[in-house]
């Protein structure tokens, strides 16, 4: 390596802005944090767009405040000089004999080039960075991938290319299917993708120069030494929001960005968040279940999106995993349960429990039928025919169980079968799994991105109702999203709706509810800033909203929807009830 600055600081050797030349001549830049002593070390690699020289406290002050005030353990044992958004702190890894490699992705931070997130070109770059790292004199030839969110999502994709020196991957809260998990929930466009790209990614674009932060890590401009005009910056990146609008079905654009799990054979730790509905947990679970890796583990937790990656619990889990696969150490990982769940209880209480599989083998799959006359959920089907109309873009209906006689645990994937008719050619169905206490106050949780997150969410655009019979399971419908099948006004249609994996122990006396809506959930009376990612006001669904006017024109999605129940239309929700061990 040459043409970069290397220095010894804070007990580490740090190589700044090391060049990695791609096959098309573009030179990406990485930082390498490694032990001072000469030797061969395993590498923990991350590749992404958030600017490796931007300190977490500068780019994400609200999150930094949460970590420092609510979870001070996350900042202990480190000077915190090198903290970067959603990446491992090298001061906690290098002393244990790891090298930490941070690569600014093409077009971001210190790396020039055309910015196109999750594109095949970016995945090829990621592959080449893995192999470049393994070939360095200080590396033992084993590379592990680690990081949150984007730094996890792109792991699924690059792992399908099977880099020879990729020895382990830890996907921490990382969506896998960019269409179903991220951009189009049930076929409905989610606003988050465009919002995230404009408010986060483009602000880290290479060439912002003096308009970006001067790094507190090393004093240099975090997004490159030159300052380009707005026109130059726009010309050097894709219009991601427009891409999402243009690719409303699973076409070649998405097929190039959705991993073929059968090709993922790397040892895998998938760590998801129950409260991350709208982005990550579906991918963590589906990636774990579907990956061909012979050695794979699933961990599910709660709290904020970024918290447990930095807590002592999370760091210890990651180090045990990587110590085993990258260093061959006896970390006790051979005794790690295949599935580790932090089972959720009201009041932000979590109880850790070891399991052997997902879904749990002892699950009692229980149908709760929707009774429209009484707006109730019961285990027996409704005997009479009933149709309940509601505003197609409104709050809809809510169905409730009687108060529970005993505690009831719901842990696993959830599915619903509903029957609707519409007076237009389409309809969007929003299903919300909810819990209410004896005083009918809703029980919500600190979600990954919103302080009042309900138990579960599911979505389906009725014209996207087509199922893939090869992949559909009784508890997890799988829609092709490859064609639009318009509705005939007034005709009744059967819809299978996926509700994302969840966990909750519902106390005795509480009621389980299912909301059938035509718009996003809003926590009653709640409209205030949460712990923001984008500075927006959230109200129960975080930034994951679905109200784009071009995606949901009034002439198509307005009007009335009727919800049908009865002997010929046995609408129900399938709940994964877990008996006590």
Protein backbone atom coordinates (compact mmCIF):
# COMPACT_ATOMS: atom_id res chain seq x y z
CA UNK A 1 0.00 0.00 0.00
CA UNK A 2 1.17 3.52 -0.77
CA UNK A 3 -0.08 7.05 -1.27
CA UNK A 4 -1.79 7.40 2.07
CA UNK A 5 -1.06 8.61 5.57
CA UNK A 6 -0.31 6.11 8.33
CA UNK A 7 0.07 6.97 11.99
CA UNK A 8 -0.06 5.47 15.46
CA UNK A 9 -2.83 6.87 17.65
CA UNK A 10 -4.74 5.65 20.67
CA UNK A 11 -3.08 2.26 20.71
CA UNK A 12 -3.75 1.57 17.02
CA UNK A 13 -2.06 1.91 13.67
CA UNK A 14 -4.41 3.88 11.45
CA UNK A 15 -4.02 4.00 7.69
CA UNK A 16 -6.07 6.89 6.30
CA UNK A 17 -7.72 6.98 2.88
CA UNK A 18 -6.00 3.88 1.55
CA UNK A 19 -6.72 3.55 -2.20
CA UNK A 20 -8.49 0.48 -3.59
CA UNK A 21 -8.63 0.55 -7.39
CA UNK A 22 -11.68 -1.02 -9.03
CA UNK A 23 -11.65 -2.81 -12.38
CA UNK A 24 -13.00 0.29 -14.17
CA UNK A 25 -10.24 2.52 -12.77
CA UNK A 26 -12.29 4.24 -10.03
CA UNK A 27 -10.31 4.45 -6.80
CA UNK A 28 -12.28 3.92 -3.60
CA UNK A 29 -10.92 5.00 -0.24
CA UNK A 30 -10.81 3.06 3.00
CA UNK A 31 -9.45 3.48 6.52
CA UNK A 32 -7.70 0.61 8.25
CA UNK A 33 -7.51 0.43 12.05
CA UNK A 34 -5.18 -2.37 13.18
CA UNK A 35 -2.89 -3.42 16.02
CA UNK A 36 0.47 -1.66 16.21
CA UNK A 37 2.35 -4.94 16.36
CA UNK A 38 3.22 -6.51 13.02
CA UNK A 39 1.21 -9.64 12.36
CA UNK A 40 -1.64 -11.24 10.47
CA UNK A 41 -5.07 -10.20 11.71
CA UNK A 42 -8.63 -11.00 10.69
CA UNK A 43 -10.50 -8.06 9.21
CA UNK A 44 -13.92 -6.65 10.11
CA UNK A 45 -15.03 -4.88 6.92
CA UNK A 46 -17.84 -2.43 6.25
CA UNK A 47 -18.78 -0.80 2.94
CA UNK A 48 -21.37 1.96 2.71
CA UNK A 49 -22.42 5.55 1.98
CA UNK A 50 -22.38 7.33 5.34
CA UNK A 51 -18.87 8.89 5.13
CA UNK A 52 -16.23 7.13 7.21
CA UNK A 53 -14.76 10.40 8.46
CA UNK A 54 -18.04 11.83 9.74
CA UNK A 55 -18.31 11.43 13.49
CA UNK A 56 -21.55 9.91 14.75
CA UNK A 57 -22.14 12.90 17.03
CA UNK A 58 -22.01 15.32 14.08
CA UNK A 59 -24.02 13.41 11.54
CA UNK A 60 -26.58 11.93 13.94
CA UNK A 61 -26.68 14.10 17.08
CA UNK A 62 -30.07 12.80 18.29
CA UNK A 63 -28.88 9.21 18.19
CA UNK A 64 -25.61 10.15 19.89
CA UNK A 65 -27.59 11.84 22.65
CA UNK A 66 -29.67 8.68 23.15
CA UNK A 67 -26.58 6.49 23.34
CA UNK A 68 -24.71 8.77 25.72
CA UNK A 69 -27.64 9.52 28.04
CA UNK A 70 -29.82 6.39 27.98
CA UNK A 71 -27.13 3.76 27.41
CA UNK A 72 -23.83 5.12 28.78
CA UNK A 73 -22.24 1.67 28.62
CA UNK A 74 -22.11 2.08 24.84
CA UNK A 75 -19.53 4.85 25.22
CA UNK A 76 -17.47 3.33 28.03
CA UNK A 77 -14.13 1.67 27.38
CA UNK A 78 -13.35 3.99 24.47
CA UNK A 79 -12.26 7.55 23.80
CA UNK A 80 -15.09 7.57 21.20
CA UNK A 81 -12.94 9.57 18.80
CA UNK A 82 -13.62 7.18 15.94
CA UNK A 83 -17.33 6.56 16.35
CA UNK A 84 -19.11 6.37 13.02
CA UNK A 85 -22.79 5.83 12.31
CA UNK A 86 -23.76 2.14 12.41
CA UNK A 87 -20.20 0.84 12.48
CA UNK A 88 -18.06 -0.97 15.03
CA UNK A 89 -15.86 1.19 17.25
CA UNK A 90 -12.25 0.20 16.41
CA UNK A 91 -11.09 1.06 19.93
CA UNK A 92 -13.20 -1.87 21.16
CA UNK A 93 -12.05 -4.30 18.45
CA UNK A 94 -8.40 -3.63 17.65
CA UNK A 95 -7.15 -4.48 21.18
CA UNK A 96 -8.71 -7.94 20.69
CA UNK A 97 -6.63 -8.59 17.60
CA UNK A 98 -8.99 -7.48 14.83
CA UNK A 99 -8.38 -5.02 12.01
CA UNK A 100 -11.33 -2.73 11.22
CA UNK A 101 -11.66 -1.66 7.60
CA UNK A 102 -14.10 1.08 6.63
CA UNK A 103 -14.74 1.68 2.93
CA UNK A 104 -16.64 4.67 1.57
CA UNK A 105 -18.84 3.26 -1.19
CA UNK A 106 -18.60 4.55 -4.74
CA UNK A 107 -19.68 8.19 -4.89
CA UNK A 108 -19.85 8.65 -1.11
CA UNK A 109 -17.56 10.24 1.45
CA UNK A 110 -13.97 10.13 0.27
CA UNK A 111 -14.67 7.77 -2.68
CA UNK A 112 -15.37 9.33 -6.11
CA UNK A 113 -17.65 7.88 -8.76
CA UNK A 114 -21.30 7.67 -9.70
CA UNK A 115 -23.54 7.09 -6.69
CA UNK A 116 -26.19 4.38 -7.19
CA UNK A 117 -27.14 2.59 -4.00
CA UNK A 118 -27.32 -1.23 -4.04
CA UNK A 119 -26.59 -1.31 -7.76
CA UNK A 120 -24.75 -4.31 -9.29
CA UNK A 121 -21.75 -2.03 -9.77
CA UNK A 122 -21.68 -1.28 -6.05
CA UNK A 123 -21.98 -4.97 -5.18
CA UNK A 124 -19.04 -5.78 -7.47
CA UNK A 125 -17.05 -3.05 -5.71
CA UNK A 126 -17.91 -4.59 -2.35
CA UNK A 127 -16.75 -8.00 -3.55
CA UNK A 128 -13.45 -6.54 -4.75
CA UNK A 129 -12.92 -4.74 -1.44
CA UNK A 130 -13.34 -8.04 0.42
CA UNK A 131 -10.75 -9.74 -1.73
CA UNK A 132 -8.40 -6.74 -1.61
CA UNK A 133 -8.55 -6.78 2.19
CA UNK A 134 -7.74 -10.48 2.38
CA UNK A 135 -4.66 -9.91 0.21
CA UNK A 136 -3.07 -7.30 2.49
CA UNK A 137 0.14 -8.20 4.34
CA UNK A 138 -1.43 -7.54 7.74
CA UNK A 139 -4.49 -9.73 7.10
CA UNK A 140 -4.73 -13.44 7.91
CA UNK A 141 -6.88 -13.98 4.82
CA UNK A 142 -10.18 -14.05 6.67
CA UNK A 143 -12.68 -11.23 6.26
CA UNK A 144 -15.87 -10.73 8.26
CA UNK A 145 -18.64 -8.28 7.37
CA UNK A 146 -20.32 -6.26 10.10
CA UNK A 147 -22.54 -3.21 10.51
CA UNK A 148 -26.09 -1.98 10.95
CA UNK A 149 -28.78 -1.26 8.36
CA UNK A 150 -27.17 -0.35 5.01
CA UNK A 151 -23.96 -2.03 6.16
CA UNK A 152 -26.02 -5.17 6.74
CA UNK A 153 -28.41 -4.97 3.79
CA UNK A 154 -25.60 -5.01 1.24
CA UNK A 155 -24.07 -8.05 2.94
CA UNK A 156 -26.94 -10.23 1.74
CA UNK A 157 -26.33 -9.20 -1.85
CA UNK A 158 -22.53 -9.47 -1.92
CA UNK A 159 -22.63 -12.85 -0.17
CA UNK A 160 -24.50 -14.28 -3.18
CA UNK A 161 -21.31 -13.67 -5.21
CA UNK A 162 -19.46 -15.95 -2.77
CA UNK A 163 -16.21 -14.01 -2.29
CA UNK A 164 -13.55 -16.67 -1.59
CA UNK A 165 -12.20 -14.92 1.51
CA UNK A 166 -15.53 -13.99 3.08
CA UNK A 167 -15.38 -16.06 6.27
CA UNK A 168 -18.34 -14.72 8.29
CA UNK A 169 -21.10 -12.13 8.11
CA UNK A 170 -23.09 -10.39 10.85
CA UNK A 171 -26.19 -8.65 9.52
CA UNK A 172 -27.40 -6.38 12.31
CA UNK A 173 -30.90 -5.09 11.60
CA UNK A 174 -30.53 -5.46 7.86
CA UNK A 175 -33.39 -5.84 5.37
CA UNK A 176 -32.80 -8.45 2.69
CA UNK A 177 -35.48 -8.09 0.02
CA UNK A 178 -35.22 -4.46 -1.08
CA UNK A 179 -38.65 -4.51 -2.69
CA UNK A 180 -40.74 -6.31 -0.04
CA UNK A 181 -38.80 -5.11 3.03
CA UNK A 182 -37.89 -1.59 2.01
CA UNK A 183 -39.47 0.09 -0.99
CA UNK A 184 -42.96 -1.41 -1.57
CA UNK A 185 -44.69 -2.96 1.44
CA UNK A 186 -47.26 -5.35 0.02
CA UNK A 187 -46.82 -3.48 -3.26
CA UNK A 188 -47.51 -0.05 -1.68
CA UNK A 189 -44.76 2.52 -2.13
CA UNK A 190 -43.08 3.48 1.15
CA UNK A 191 -41.92 7.10 1.40
CA UNK A 192 -38.86 6.24 3.47
CA UNK A 193 -36.58 5.33 0.57
CA UNK A 194 -36.77 8.75 -1.08
CA UNK A 195 -36.68 10.54 2.29
CA UNK A 196 -33.64 8.59 3.48
CA UNK A 197 -31.77 9.11 0.23
CA UNK A 198 -32.36 12.87 0.11
CA UNK A 199 -31.87 13.58 3.81
CA UNK A 200 -29.02 11.19 4.52
CA UNK A 201 -27.21 9.67 1.57
CA UNK A 202 -26.96 12.68 -0.74
CA UNK A 203 -25.64 14.76 2.16
CA UNK A 204 -22.67 12.37 2.34
CA UNK A 205 -21.99 12.44 -1.41
CA UNK A 206 -18.40 12.75 -2.55
CA UNK A 207 -17.70 16.27 -3.76
CA UNK A 208 -19.62 18.19 -1.12
CA UNK A 209 -16.24 19.25 0.19
CA UNK A 210 -16.47 22.43 2.25
CA UNK A 211 -20.27 22.17 2.44
CA UNK A 212 -19.94 19.04 4.57
CA UNK A 213 -18.38 18.44 7.96
CA UNK A 214 -14.72 18.87 8.68
CA UNK A 215 -14.06 15.59 10.42
CA UNK A 216 -13.45 15.64 14.16
CA UNK A 217 -11.78 12.25 13.58
CA UNK A 218 -8.85 13.69 11.63
CA UNK A 219 -9.66 17.30 10.70
CA UNK A 220 -10.19 16.69 6.96
CA UNK A 221 -13.32 17.20 4.86
CA UNK A 222 -15.46 14.12 5.32
CA UNK A 223 -16.93 14.14 1.77
CA UNK A 224 -13.79 14.80 -0.19
CA UNK A 225 -11.36 17.66 -0.73
CA UNK A 226 -13.17 19.27 -3.69
CA UNK A 227 -16.43 21.19 -3.60
CA UNK A 228 -18.68 20.53 -6.60
CA UNK A 229 -21.70 22.50 -7.73
CA UNK A 230 -25.23 21.23 -7.20
CA UNK A 231 -25.46 20.52 -10.92
CA UNK A 232 -22.27 18.45 -10.82
CA UNK A 233 -23.47 16.52 -7.77
CA UNK A 234 -26.88 15.82 -9.32
CA UNK A 235 -25.25 14.55 -12.50
CA UNK A 236 -23.10 12.17 -10.48
CA UNK A 237 -25.89 10.26 -8.73
CA UNK A 238 -29.10 8.44 -9.51
CA UNK A 239 -32.49 9.93 -8.70
CA UNK A 240 -33.38 7.19 -6.26
CA UNK A 241 -36.85 8.50 -5.43
CA UNK A 242 -37.77 8.47 -9.10
CA UNK A 243 -36.28 4.98 -9.45
CA UNK A 244 -38.66 3.74 -6.75
CA UNK A 245 -41.66 5.29 -8.50
CA UNK A 246 -40.69 3.91 -11.91
CA UNK A 247 -40.13 0.37 -10.67
CA UNK A 248 -43.45 -0.37 -8.99
CA UNK A 249 -43.26 -4.09 -9.78
CA UNK A 250 -40.51 -6.65 -9.25
CA UNK A 251 -38.77 -6.13 -12.59
CA UNK A 252 -35.13 -6.52 -13.65
CA UNK A 253 -34.18 -3.49 -11.56
CA UNK A 254 -35.27 -5.23 -8.36
CA UNK A 255 -34.17 -8.72 -9.40
CA UNK A 256 -30.63 -7.36 -9.58
CA UNK A 257 -30.97 -6.11 -5.99
CA UNK A 258 -32.82 -9.01 -4.32
CA UNK A 259 -30.48 -11.76 -3.12
CA UNK A 260 -30.75 -15.38 -4.17
CA UNK A 261 -30.54 -16.88 -0.70
CA UNK A 262 -29.61 -20.28 -2.09
CA UNK A 263 -26.22 -18.79 -3.00
CA UNK A 264 -25.47 -17.50 0.52
CA UNK A 265 -23.26 -20.09 2.18
CA UNK A 266 -21.19 -17.92 4.51
CA UNK A 267 -21.44 -18.47 8.29
CA UNK A 268 -24.17 -16.05 9.32
CA UNK A 269 -25.37 -14.19 12.39
CA UNK A 270 -28.63 -12.37 11.66
CA UNK A 271 -29.68 -9.96 14.43
CA UNK A 272 -33.10 -8.32 14.10
CA UNK A 273 -35.31 -5.91 16.02
CA UNK A 274 -38.95 -6.69 16.83
CA UNK A 275 -39.76 -2.99 16.65
CA UNK A 276 -38.29 -2.38 13.22
CA UNK A 277 -41.44 -2.95 11.23
CA UNK A 278 -41.20 -1.03 7.99
CA UNK A 279 -37.61 -1.90 7.17
CA UNK A 280 -35.45 -4.60 8.74
CA UNK A 281 -36.89 -7.51 10.78
CA UNK A 282 -38.56 -9.34 7.92
CA UNK A 283 -35.21 -9.46 6.13
CA UNK A 284 -33.34 -10.65 9.20
CA UNK A 285 -35.79 -13.52 9.63
CA UNK A 286 -36.19 -14.43 5.95
CA UNK A 287 -32.44 -14.16 5.39
CA UNK A 288 -31.82 -16.53 8.27
CA UNK A 289 -34.46 -19.04 7.23
CA UNK A 290 -33.73 -19.05 3.50
CA UNK A 291 -29.93 -18.74 3.41
CA UNK A 292 -28.09 -21.91 2.41
CA UNK A 293 -25.46 -21.35 5.11
CA UNK A 294 -24.89 -24.55 7.06
CA UNK A 295 -23.77 -22.48 10.03
CA UNK A 296 -26.29 -19.77 10.80
CA UNK A 297 -27.85 -18.12 13.83
CA UNK A 298 -30.77 -15.79 14.49
CA UNK A 299 -30.97 -13.26 17.31
CA UNK A 300 -33.99 -11.00 17.90
CA UNK A 301 -34.07 -8.05 20.31
CA UNK A 302 -35.89 -4.79 21.05
CA UNK A 303 -35.15 -1.12 21.83
CA UNK A 304 -33.91 1.53 19.39
CA UNK A 305 -32.57 0.65 15.97
CA UNK A 306 -28.95 1.34 16.82
CA UNK A 307 -28.76 0.55 20.55
CA UNK A 308 -27.84 -3.10 20.98
CA UNK A 309 -25.17 -3.01 18.30
CA UNK A 310 -23.21 -0.78 20.68
CA UNK A 311 -24.24 -2.21 24.08
CA UNK A 312 -22.01 -4.63 25.96
CA UNK A 313 -24.52 -7.36 25.12
CA UNK A 314 -24.31 -6.71 21.39
CA UNK A 315 -20.55 -6.21 21.20
CA UNK A 316 -19.91 -9.39 23.18
CA UNK A 317 -22.23 -11.36 20.86
CA UNK A 318 -20.45 -10.06 17.76
CA UNK A 319 -16.98 -10.74 19.18
CA UNK A 320 -17.86 -14.30 20.15
CA UNK A 321 -19.15 -14.93 16.62
CA UNK A 322 -16.20 -13.39 14.80
CA UNK A 323 -13.64 -14.74 17.27
CA UNK A 324 -14.89 -18.23 16.44
CA UNK A 325 -14.96 -17.92 12.66
CA UNK A 326 -12.14 -15.47 11.97
CA UNK A 327 -9.63 -16.41 14.68
CA UNK A 328 -10.51 -20.00 15.52
CA UNK A 329 -10.80 -19.12 19.20
CA UNK A 330 -12.85 -21.00 21.76
CA UNK A 331 -15.40 -18.29 22.41
CA UNK A 332 -18.19 -20.63 23.40
CA UNK A 333 -19.89 -20.02 20.08
CA UNK A 334 -20.25 -23.75 19.48
CA UNK A 335 -22.77 -23.69 22.35
CA UNK A 336 -24.70 -20.68 20.99
CA UNK A 337 -28.38 -21.55 20.44
CA UNK A 338 -29.43 -21.43 16.81
CA UNK A 339 -32.16 -18.98 17.73
CA UNK A 340 -31.87 -16.51 20.60
CA UNK A 341 -34.98 -14.45 21.34
CA UNK A 342 -35.47 -11.50 23.65
CA UNK A 343 -39.16 -12.17 24.16
CA UNK A 344 -41.09 -8.91 24.53
CA UNK A 345 -43.39 -8.04 27.43
CA UNK A 346 -45.30 -4.80 28.07
CA UNK A 347 -43.28 -2.11 29.80
CA UNK A 348 -40.15 -2.55 27.66
CA UNK A 349 -39.32 -5.80 29.41
CA UNK A 350 -37.43 -8.47 27.48
CA UNK A 351 -36.68 -12.03 28.59
CA UNK A 352 -33.91 -13.84 26.73
CA UNK A 353 -34.71 -17.38 25.66
CA UNK A 354 -32.87 -20.00 23.63
CA UNK A 355 -34.67 -21.82 20.82
CA UNK A 356 -33.67 -24.27 18.11
CA UNK A 357 -35.50 -23.08 15.01
CA UNK A 358 -37.73 -20.46 13.40
CA UNK A 359 -40.69 -20.54 13.49
CA UNK A 360 -40.72 -22.38 16.80
CA UNK A 361 -41.58 -26.05 16.39
CA UNK A 362 -43.98 -26.00 19.32
CA UNK A 363 -46.05 -23.14 17.86
CA UNK A 364 -49.80 -23.62 18.18
CA UNK A 365 -51.04 -21.98 15.00
CA UNK A 366 -54.39 -20.51 15.99
CA UNK A 367 -57.00 -18.90 13.75
CA UNK A 368 -58.95 -16.00 15.17
CA UNK A 369 -61.95 -15.31 12.96
CA UNK A 370 -63.25 -11.82 12.32
CA UNK A 371 -66.88 -11.32 13.34
CA UNK A 372 -68.10 -8.14 11.70
CA UNK A 373 -71.43 -7.93 13.53
CA UNK A 374 -69.72 -7.56 16.91
CA UNK A 375 -66.31 -6.44 15.60
CA UNK A 376 -64.76 -9.28 17.57
CA UNK A 377 -62.01 -11.88 17.15
CA UNK A 378 -63.05 -15.41 18.08
CA UNK A 379 -61.67 -18.90 17.56
CA UNK A 380 -64.97 -20.05 16.02
CA UNK A 381 -66.03 -18.92 12.52
CA UNK A 382 -68.80 -16.39 11.98
CA UNK A 383 -72.03 -18.14 11.01
CA UNK A 384 -73.90 -15.29 9.33
CA UNK A 385 -72.99 -13.22 6.29
CA UNK A 386 -71.89 -9.67 6.92
CA UNK A 387 -70.35 -6.84 4.94
CA UNK A 388 -68.89 -3.76 6.63
CA UNK A 389 -68.03 -0.76 4.44
CA UNK A 390 -65.42 1.82 5.35
CA UNK A 391 -63.65 4.78 3.81
CA UNK A 392 -60.97 3.33 1.52
CA UNK A 393 -58.44 5.85 2.80
CA UNK A 394 -59.73 5.98 6.37
CA UNK A 395 -59.28 4.45 9.82
CA UNK A 396 -61.37 1.41 8.94
CA UNK A 397 -62.43 -1.17 11.51
CA UNK A 398 -60.96 -2.76 14.60
CA UNK A 399 -61.71 -6.30 15.78
CA UNK A 400 -61.01 -7.34 19.39
CA UNK A 401 -60.72 -10.57 21.33
CA UNK A 402 -62.49 -10.82 24.68
CA UNK A 403 -60.21 -10.09 27.65
CA UNK A 404 -57.73 -12.95 27.94
CA UNK A 405 -58.18 -15.46 30.75
CA UNK A 406 -54.43 -16.02 30.99
CA UNK A 407 -51.16 -14.71 29.63
CA UNK A 408 -50.72 -15.52 25.95
CA UNK A 409 -47.43 -15.40 24.06
CA UNK A 410 -47.43 -14.52 20.37
CA UNK A 411 -43.99 -15.06 18.83
CA UNK A 412 -43.40 -15.70 15.15
CA UNK A 413 -44.70 -14.76 11.70
CA UNK A 414 -48.36 -13.76 11.39
CA UNK A 415 -50.73 -14.05 8.43
CA UNK A 416 -54.26 -12.90 7.70
CA UNK A 417 -56.87 -13.86 5.15
CA UNK A 418 -59.43 -11.18 4.34
CA UNK A 419 -62.19 -10.68 1.80
CA UNK A 420 -62.91 -7.27 0.30
CA UNK A 421 -64.82 -5.54 -2.42
CA UNK A 422 -64.15 -2.03 -3.68
CA UNK A 423 -66.09 0.50 -5.69
CA UNK A 424 -62.88 1.27 -7.60
CA UNK A 425 -60.32 -0.83 -9.44
CA UNK A 426 -57.93 -1.17 -6.50
CA UNK A 427 -57.58 -0.89 -2.72
CA UNK A 428 -54.76 -0.75 -0.18
CA UNK A 429 -55.15 -2.86 2.95
CA UNK A 430 -53.28 -1.92 6.13
CA UNK A 431 -53.47 -4.46 8.96
CA UNK A 432 -52.24 -3.55 12.45
CA UNK A 433 -51.89 -6.12 15.23
CA UNK A 434 -52.58 -4.32 18.52
CA UNK A 435 -52.87 -4.96 22.26
CA UNK A 436 -55.05 -3.07 24.77
CA UNK A 437 -54.94 -3.11 28.56
CA UNK A 438 -58.08 -3.60 30.73
CA UNK A 439 -58.76 0.16 30.52
CA UNK A 440 -58.54 -0.01 26.70
CA UNK A 441 -55.30 1.91 26.61
CA UNK A 442 -53.13 0.66 23.79
CA UNK A 443 -49.89 -1.09 24.69
CA UNK A 444 -47.11 0.17 22.44
CA UNK A 445 -43.34 -0.14 22.48
CA UNK A 446 -40.15 1.73 21.82
CA UNK A 447 -39.69 0.64 18.25
CA UNK A 448 -36.49 0.89 16.31
CA UNK A 449 -37.55 4.27 14.89
CA UNK A 450 -40.67 5.33 16.77
CA UNK A 451 -41.53 5.52 20.48
CA UNK A 452 -45.11 4.24 20.05
CA UNK A 453 -44.89 1.16 17.88
CA UNK A 454 -47.75 -1.36 17.89
CA UNK A 455 -47.24 -5.13 17.96
CA UNK A 456 -47.26 -5.77 14.23
CA UNK A 457 -47.97 -4.44 10.73
CA UNK A 458 -48.97 -5.91 7.39
CA UNK A 459 -49.83 -4.35 4.05
CA UNK A 460 -51.24 -5.46 0.70
CA UNK A 461 -52.31 -3.69 -2.46
CA UNK A 462 -55.29 -5.73 -3.66
CA UNK A 463 -54.12 -5.67 -7.28
CA UNK A 464 -50.87 -7.34 -6.07
CA UNK A 465 -52.74 -10.28 -4.50
CA UNK A 466 -51.12 -12.89 -6.77
CA UNK A 467 -49.23 -15.48 -4.72
CA UNK A 468 -46.13 -17.48 -5.55
CA UNK A 469 -47.22 -21.05 -4.68
CA UNK A 470 -43.61 -22.23 -4.48
CA UNK A 471 -42.73 -19.81 -1.70
CA UNK A 472 -46.05 -19.24 0.08
CA UNK A 473 -46.39 -20.85 3.49
CA UNK A 474 -49.54 -21.03 5.65
CA UNK A 475 -48.03 -18.51 8.05
CA UNK A 476 -46.17 -16.41 5.46
CA UNK A 477 -47.85 -15.57 2.16
CA UNK A 478 -45.41 -14.63 -0.58
CA UNK A 479 -46.61 -12.34 -3.35
CA UNK A 480 -44.97 -12.19 -6.75
CA UNK A 481 -45.51 -8.45 -7.30
CA UNK A 482 -44.88 -9.06 -10.99
CA UNK A 483 -48.21 -7.90 -12.42
CA UNK A 484 -51.20 -5.71 -11.62
CA UNK A 485 -54.56 -7.48 -11.41
CA UNK A 486 -57.23 -4.73 -11.22
CA UNK A 487 -60.41 -5.24 -9.24
CA UNK A 488 -63.88 -5.35 -10.72
CA UNK A 489 -65.95 -2.89 -8.66
CA UNK A 490 -68.32 -4.72 -6.33
CA UNK A 491 -66.72 -8.14 -6.81
CA UNK A 492 -65.38 -9.91 -3.69
CA UNK A 493 -61.69 -10.86 -3.62
CA UNK A 494 -59.71 -13.09 -1.28
CA UNK A 495 -56.49 -11.50 -0.02
CA UNK A 496 -53.66 -13.13 1.92
CA UNK A 497 -51.73 -10.57 3.93
CA UNK A 498 -48.32 -11.05 5.46
CA UNK A 499 -47.89 -9.48 8.91
CA UNK A 500 -44.24 -9.17 9.84
CA UNK A 501 -42.67 -11.35 12.57
CA UNK A 502 -43.32 -10.20 16.10
CA UNK A 503 -43.13 -11.16 19.75
CA UNK A 504 -45.33 -10.18 22.65
CA UNK A 505 -46.54 -11.81 25.85
CA UNK A 506 -50.07 -10.46 26.26
CA UNK A 507 -51.04 -10.38 29.96
CA UNK A 508 -54.30 -11.80 31.24
CA UNK A 509 -57.12 -9.25 31.12
CA UNK A 510 -55.70 -7.62 28.01
CA UNK A 511 -57.26 -7.78 24.54
CA UNK A 512 -55.72 -8.50 21.17
CA UNK A 513 -56.91 -6.28 18.34
CA UNK A 514 -56.67 -6.27 14.56
CA UNK A 515 -57.17 -2.97 12.75
CA UNK A 516 -58.27 -3.12 9.13
CA UNK A 517 -57.44 0.27 7.66
CA UNK A 518 -56.98 2.19 4.47
CA UNK A 519 -54.02 4.23 5.67
CA UNK A 520 -51.05 4.16 8.02
CA UNK A 521 -51.54 3.56 11.73
CA UNK A 522 -51.42 6.63 13.99
CA UNK A 523 -51.07 6.19 17.72
CA UNK A 524 -54.12 7.92 19.22
CA UNK A 525 -53.27 11.37 20.42
CA UNK A 526 -49.57 11.00 19.67
CA UNK A 527 -47.96 13.56 17.46
CA UNK A 528 -44.56 14.67 18.71
CA UNK A 529 -40.92 14.27 17.75
CA UNK A 530 -39.41 10.87 18.58
CA UNK A 531 -35.75 9.94 18.35
CA UNK A 532 -35.41 11.05 14.75
CA UNK A 533 -33.44 9.63 11.92
CA UNK A 534 -34.59 12.32 9.55
CA UNK A 535 -35.91 15.04 11.83
CA UNK A 536 -39.53 14.27 10.90
CA UNK A 537 -42.46 13.91 13.30
CA UNK A 538 -43.48 10.30 13.70
CA UNK A 539 -46.71 8.96 15.10
CA UNK A 540 -46.44 5.20 15.40
CA UNK A 541 -44.91 4.04 12.11
CA UNK A 542 -41.74 6.10 12.17
CA UNK A 543 -40.68 7.37 8.74
CA UNK A 544 -42.27 4.36 7.00
CA UNK A 545 -45.37 6.02 5.60
CA UNK A 546 -47.38 5.20 2.50
CA UNK A 547 -49.18 8.25 1.14
CA UNK A 548 -47.43 9.18 -2.09
CA UNK A 549 -50.04 10.89 -4.29
CA UNK A 550 -48.70 9.40 -7.50
CA UNK A 551 -48.71 5.92 -6.01
CA UNK A 552 -52.18 6.26 -4.44
CA UNK A 553 -54.27 8.53 -6.71
CA UNK A 554 -57.69 9.36 -5.26
CA UNK A 555 -59.58 8.21 -8.32
CA UNK A 556 -58.18 4.70 -7.85
CA UNK A 557 -57.76 4.35 -4.09
CA UNK A 558 -60.51 6.63 -2.80
CA UNK A 559 -64.15 5.70 -2.39
CA UNK A 560 -65.40 2.79 -0.29
CA UNK A 561 -64.11 -0.68 0.58
CA UNK A 562 -66.37 -3.37 2.03
CA UNK A 563 -65.00 -6.00 4.35
CA UNK A 564 -66.75 -9.38 4.03
CA UNK A 565 -67.05 -12.10 6.68
CA UNK A 566 -69.17 -15.20 7.09
CA UNK A 567 -69.31 -18.89 6.12
CA UNK A 568 -68.23 -18.25 2.53
CA UNK A 569 -65.69 -15.61 3.56
CA UNK A 570 -63.92 -16.95 6.67
CA UNK A 571 -61.74 -13.92 7.31
CA UNK A 572 -59.18 -14.63 10.03
CA UNK A 573 -55.79 -13.89 11.46
CA UNK A 574 -53.36 -16.77 12.07
CA UNK A 575 -51.45 -16.20 15.30
CA UNK A 576 -48.34 -18.10 16.45
CA UNK A 577 -49.30 -18.98 20.03
CA UNK A 578 -46.36 -20.29 22.04
CA UNK A 579 -47.14 -22.61 24.94
CA UNK A 580 -44.90 -22.44 27.97
CA UNK A 581 -41.96 -24.88 27.90
